[in-house]
PDB file of N, CA and C in Angstrom:
ATOM      1  N   MET A   1      66.520  23.702  48.885  1.00  0.00           N
ATOM      2  CA  MET A   1      65.664  23.197  47.839  1.00  0.00           C
ATOM      3  C   MET A   1      64.258  23.016  48.397  1.00  0.00           C
ATOM      4  N   GLU A   2      63.266  23.513  47.682  1.00  0.00           N
ATOM      5  CA  GLU A   2      61.884  23.473  48.147  1.00  0.00           C
ATOM      6  C   GLU A   2      61.190  22.219  47.616  1.00  0.00           C
ATOM      7  N   GLN A   3      60.432  21.554  48.478  1.00  0.00           N
ATOM      8  CA  GLN A   3      59.715  20.340  48.060  1.00  0.00           C
ATOM      9  C   GLN A   3      58.302  20.706  47.633  1.00  0.00           C
ATOM     10  N   THR A   4      57.855  20.105  46.554  1.00  0.00           N
ATOM     11  CA  THR A   4      56.489  20.335  46.094  1.00  0.00           C
ATOM     12  C   THR A   4      55.608  19.199  46.594  1.00  0.00           C
ATOM     13  N   PRO A   5      54.387  19.519  46.990  1.00  0.00           N
ATOM     14  CA  PRO A   5      53.491  18.452  47.477  1.00  0.00           C
ATOM     15  C   PRO A   5      53.113  17.516  46.338  1.00  0.00           C
ATOM     16  N   GLN A   6      53.047  16.221  46.639  1.00  0.00           N
ATOM     17  CA  GLN A   6      52.670  15.225  45.645  1.00  0.00           C
ATOM     18  C   GLN A   6      51.214  14.830  45.848  1.00  0.00           C
ATOM     19  N   ALA A   7      50.571  14.494  44.778  1.00  0.00           N
ATOM     20  CA  ALA A   7      49.173  14.072  44.853  1.00  0.00           C
ATOM     21  C   ALA A   7      49.065  12.779  45.656  1.00  0.00           C
ATOM     22  N   ALA A   8      48.002  12.678  46.424  1.00  0.00           N
ATOM     23  CA  ALA A   8      47.769  11.451  47.193  1.00  0.00           C
ATOM     24  C   ALA A   8      47.566  10.295  46.230  1.00  0.00           C
ATOM     25  N   ARG A   9      48.141   9.179  46.540  1.00  0.00           N
ATOM     26  CA  ARG A   9      48.054   8.009  45.662  1.00  0.00           C
ATOM     27  C   ARG A   9      47.146   6.963  46.314  1.00  0.00           C
ATOM     28  N   PRO A  10      46.064   6.575  45.631  1.00  0.00           N
ATOM     29  CA  PRO A  10      45.182   5.546  46.221  1.00  0.00           C
ATOM     30  C   PRO A  10      45.911   4.210  46.303  1.00  0.00           C
ATOM     31  N   GLU A  11      45.509   3.389  47.262  1.00  0.00           N
ATOM     32  CA  GLU A  11      46.159   2.092  47.428  1.00  0.00           C
ATOM     33  C   GLU A  11      45.929   1.187  46.230  1.00  0.00           C
ATOM     34  N   ARG A  12      44.746   1.270  45.651  1.00  0.00           N
ATOM     35  CA  ARG A  12      44.457   0.485  44.446  1.00  0.00           C
ATOM     36  C   ARG A  12      44.077   1.458  43.337  1.00  0.00           C
ATOM     37  N   ALA A  13      44.769   1.386  42.247  1.00  0.00           N
ATOM     38  CA  ALA A  13      44.458   2.255  41.121  1.00  0.00           C
ATOM     39  C   ALA A  13      43.191   1.762  40.425  1.00  0.00           C
ATOM     40  N   ALA A  14      42.362   2.683  40.005  1.00  0.00           N
ATOM     41  CA  ALA A  14      41.138   2.330  39.291  1.00  0.00           C
ATOM     42  C   ALA A  14      41.505   1.813  37.903  1.00  0.00           C
ATOM     43  N   PRO A  15      40.790   0.816  37.421  1.00  0.00           N
ATOM     44  CA  PRO A  15      41.098   0.307  36.081  1.00  0.00           C
ATOM     45  C   PRO A  15      40.807   1.360  35.027  1.00  0.00           C
ATOM     46  N   GLY A  16      41.605   1.360  33.983  1.00  0.00           N
ATOM     47  CA  GLY A  16      41.416   2.323  32.917  1.00  0.00           C
ATOM     48  C   GLY A  16      40.190   2.032  32.077  1.00  0.00           C
ATOM     49  N   ARG A  17      39.821   0.766  31.973  1.00  0.00           N
ATOM     50  CA  ARG A  17      38.674   0.382  31.167  1.00  0.00           C
ATOM     51  C   ARG A  17      37.933  -0.750  31.862  1.00  0.00           C
ATOM     52  N   ARG A  18      36.633  -0.663  31.877  1.00  0.00           N
ATOM     53  CA  ARG A  18      35.823  -1.674  32.552  1.00  0.00           C
ATOM     54  C   ARG A  18      34.792  -2.210  31.558  1.00  0.00           C
ATOM     55  N   LEU A  19      34.741  -3.525  31.427  1.00  0.00           N
ATOM     56  CA  LEU A  19      33.796  -4.140  30.506  1.00  0.00           C
ATOM     57  C   LEU A  19      32.431  -4.252  31.170  1.00  0.00           C
ATOM     58  N   VAL A  20      31.456  -3.693  30.518  1.00  0.00           N
ATOM     59  CA  VAL A  20      30.073  -3.796  30.982  1.00  0.00           C
ATOM     60  C   VAL A  20      29.286  -4.364  29.814  1.00  0.00           C
ATOM     61  N   ALA A  21      28.731  -5.550  30.000  1.00  0.00           N
ATOM     62  CA  ALA A  21      28.005  -6.196  28.904  1.00  0.00           C
ATOM     63  C   ALA A  21      26.827  -6.991  29.436  1.00  0.00           C
ATOM     64  N   ALA A  22      25.842  -7.147  28.581  1.00  0.00           N
ATOM     65  CA  ALA A  22      24.689  -7.986  28.888  1.00  0.00           C
ATOM     66  C   ALA A  22      24.331  -8.732  27.614  1.00  0.00           C
ATOM     67  N   GLY A  23      23.807  -9.927  27.764  1.00  0.00           N
ATOM     68  CA  GLY A  23      23.469 -10.682  26.568  1.00  0.00           C
ATOM     69  C   GLY A  23      22.365 -11.684  26.809  1.00  0.00           C
ATOM     70  N   ILE A  24      21.788 -12.137  25.708  1.00  0.00           N
ATOM     71  CA  ILE A  24      20.744 -13.162  25.786  1.00  0.00           C
ATOM     72  C   ILE A  24      20.975 -14.208  24.705  1.00  0.00           C
ATOM     73  N   ILE A  25      20.467 -15.391  24.957  1.00  0.00           N
ATOM     74  CA  ILE A  25      20.382 -16.447  23.950  1.00  0.00           C
ATOM     75  C   ILE A  25      18.936 -16.937  23.989  1.00  0.00           C
ATOM     76  N   ARG A  26      18.282 -16.869  22.862  1.00  0.00           N
ATOM     77  CA  ARG A  26      16.887 -17.305  22.788  1.00  0.00           C
ATOM     78  C   ARG A  26      16.781 -18.429  21.774  1.00  0.00           C
ATOM     79  N   ARG A  27      16.232 -19.550  22.194  1.00  0.00           N
ATOM     80  CA  ARG A  27      16.087 -20.710  21.311  1.00  0.00           C
ATOM     81  C   ARG A  27      14.610 -20.996  21.068  1.00  0.00           C
ATOM     82  N   THR A  28      14.258 -21.113  19.810  1.00  0.00           N
ATOM     83  CA  THR A  28      12.916 -21.536  19.424  1.00  0.00           C
ATOM     84  C   THR A  28      13.094 -22.812  18.585  1.00  0.00           C
ATOM     85  N   PRO A  29      12.027 -23.515  18.268  1.00  0.00           N
ATOM     86  CA  PRO A  29      12.186 -24.755  17.501  1.00  0.00           C
ATOM     87  C   PRO A  29      12.886 -24.577  16.146  1.00  0.00           C
ATOM     88  N   ASP A  30      12.770 -23.403  15.539  1.00  0.00           N
ATOM     89  CA  ASP A  30      13.362 -23.232  14.214  1.00  0.00           C
ATOM     90  C   ASP A  30      14.600 -22.333  14.161  1.00  0.00           C
ATOM     91  N   ARG A  31      14.915 -21.598  15.216  1.00  0.00           N
ATOM     92  CA  ARG A  31      16.102 -20.736  15.168  1.00  0.00           C
ATOM     93  C   ARG A  31      16.665 -20.418  16.551  1.00  0.00           C
ATOM     94  N   THR A  32      17.925 -19.984  16.559  1.00  0.00           N
ATOM     95  CA  THR A  32      18.606 -19.540  17.777  1.00  0.00           C
ATOM     96  C   THR A  32      19.055 -18.100  17.555  1.00  0.00           C
ATOM     97  N   THR A  33      18.677 -17.218  18.469  1.00  0.00           N
ATOM     98  CA  THR A  33      19.042 -15.812  18.377  1.00  0.00           C
ATOM     99  C   THR A  33      19.950 -15.467  19.553  1.00  0.00           C
ATOM    100  N   THR A  34      21.078 -14.831  19.268  1.00  0.00           N
ATOM    101  CA  THR A  34      21.967 -14.363  20.329  1.00  0.00           C
ATOM    102  C   THR A  34      22.144 -12.861  20.174  1.00  0.00           C
ATOM    103  N   MET A  35      22.279 -12.160  21.313  1.00  0.00           N
ATOM    104  CA  MET A  35      22.480 -10.725  21.292  1.00  0.00           C
ATOM    105  C   MET A  35      23.383 -10.336  22.451  1.00  0.00           C
ATOM    106  N   ARG A  36      24.310  -9.436  22.182  1.00  0.00           N
ATOM    107  CA  ARG A  36      25.216  -8.932  23.209  1.00  0.00           C
ATOM    108  C   ARG A  36      25.250  -7.415  23.110  1.00  0.00           C
ATOM    109  N   VAL A  37      25.080  -6.756  24.243  1.00  0.00           N
ATOM    110  CA  VAL A  37      25.053  -5.299  24.294  1.00  0.00           C
ATOM    111  C   VAL A  37      26.194  -4.815  25.177  1.00  0.00           C
ATOM    112  N   THR A  38      26.995  -3.897  24.665  1.00  0.00           N
ATOM    113  CA  THR A  38      28.071  -3.281  25.439  1.00  0.00           C
ATOM    114  C   THR A  38      27.953  -1.771  25.311  1.00  0.00           C
ATOM    115  N   GLN A  39      28.845  -1.048  25.959  1.00  0.00           N
ATOM    116  CA  GLN A  39      28.849   0.410  25.851  1.00  0.00           C
ATOM    117  C   GLN A  39      29.188   0.843  24.434  1.00  0.00           C
ATOM    118  N   VAL A  40      29.878  -0.002  23.686  1.00  0.00           N
ATOM    119  CA  VAL A  40      30.299   0.340  22.331  1.00  0.00           C
ATOM    120  C   VAL A  40      29.177   0.112  21.319  1.00  0.00           C
ATOM    121  N   GLY A  41      28.384  -0.929  21.518  1.00  0.00           N
ATOM    122  CA  GLY A  41      27.322  -1.211  20.561  1.00  0.00           C
ATOM    123  C   GLY A  41      26.644  -2.536  20.808  1.00  0.00           C
ATOM    124  N   VAL A  42      25.919  -2.993  19.792  1.00  0.00           N
ATOM    125  CA  VAL A  42      25.133  -4.224  19.876  1.00  0.00           C
ATOM    126  C   VAL A  42      25.588  -5.166  18.769  1.00  0.00           C
ATOM    127  N   THR A  43      25.769  -6.450  19.106  1.00  0.00           N
ATOM    128  CA  THR A  43      26.067  -7.469  18.106  1.00  0.00           C
ATOM    129  C   THR A  43      25.128  -8.642  18.325  1.00  0.00           C
ATOM    130  N   GLY A  44      24.938  -9.432  17.283  1.00  0.00           N
ATOM    131  CA  GLY A  44      24.073 -10.585  17.442  1.00  0.00           C
ATOM    132  C   GLY A  44      24.038 -11.451  16.203  1.00  0.00           C
ATOM    133  N   THR A  45      23.418 -12.614  16.353  1.00  0.00           N
ATOM    134  CA  THR A  45      23.258 -13.553  15.252  1.00  0.00           C
ATOM    135  C   THR A  45      21.893 -14.197  15.310  1.00  0.00           C
ATOM    136  N   ILE A  46      21.405 -14.599  14.134  1.00  0.00           N
ATOM    137  CA  ILE A  46      20.188 -15.407  14.023  1.00  0.00           C
ATOM    138  C   ILE A  46      20.562 -16.590  13.155  1.00  0.00           C
ATOM    139  N   ARG A  47      20.407 -17.797  13.695  1.00  0.00           N
ATOM    140  CA  ARG A  47      20.799 -19.022  12.968  1.00  0.00           C
ATOM    141  C   ARG A  47      19.694 -20.054  13.033  1.00  0.00           C
ATOM    142  N   LYS A  48      19.733 -20.933  12.052  1.00  0.00           N
ATOM    143  CA  LYS A  48      18.811 -22.068  12.078  1.00  0.00           C
ATOM    144  C   LYS A  48      19.137 -22.922  13.290  1.00  0.00           C
ATOM    145  N   ALA A  49      18.109 -23.476  13.900  1.00  0.00           N
ATOM    146  CA  ALA A  49      18.310 -24.315  15.076  1.00  0.00           C
ATOM    147  C   ALA A  49      19.061 -25.584  14.709  1.00  0.00           C
ATOM    148  N   VAL A  50      19.893 -26.036  15.624  1.00  0.00           N
ATOM    149  CA  VAL A  50      20.645 -27.266  15.445  1.00  0.00           C
ATOM    150  C   VAL A  50      19.891 -28.389  16.143  1.00  0.00           C
ATOM    151  N   THR A  51      19.700 -29.498  15.443  1.00  0.00           N
ATOM    152  CA  THR A  51      19.030 -30.636  16.047  1.00  0.00           C
ATOM    153  C   THR A  51      19.955 -31.294  17.046  1.00  0.00           C
ATOM    154  N   ARG A  52      19.448 -31.518  18.238  1.00  0.00           N
ATOM    155  CA  ARG A  52      20.284 -32.117  19.291  1.00  0.00           C
ATOM    156  C   ARG A  52      19.850 -33.518  19.564  1.00  0.00           C
TER     157      ARG A  52
END
């Protein structure tokens, strides 16, 4: 019986999916803006500022 060579197997398998994201939160006296950017797209909100 003949043996076929097997592919070398790395010690650690690379992840199938990797999250890459960046975001900001900007606060002004009258509103709060949030934005998040990923490889898939951009999401965000603009809201009235909350009194603290």
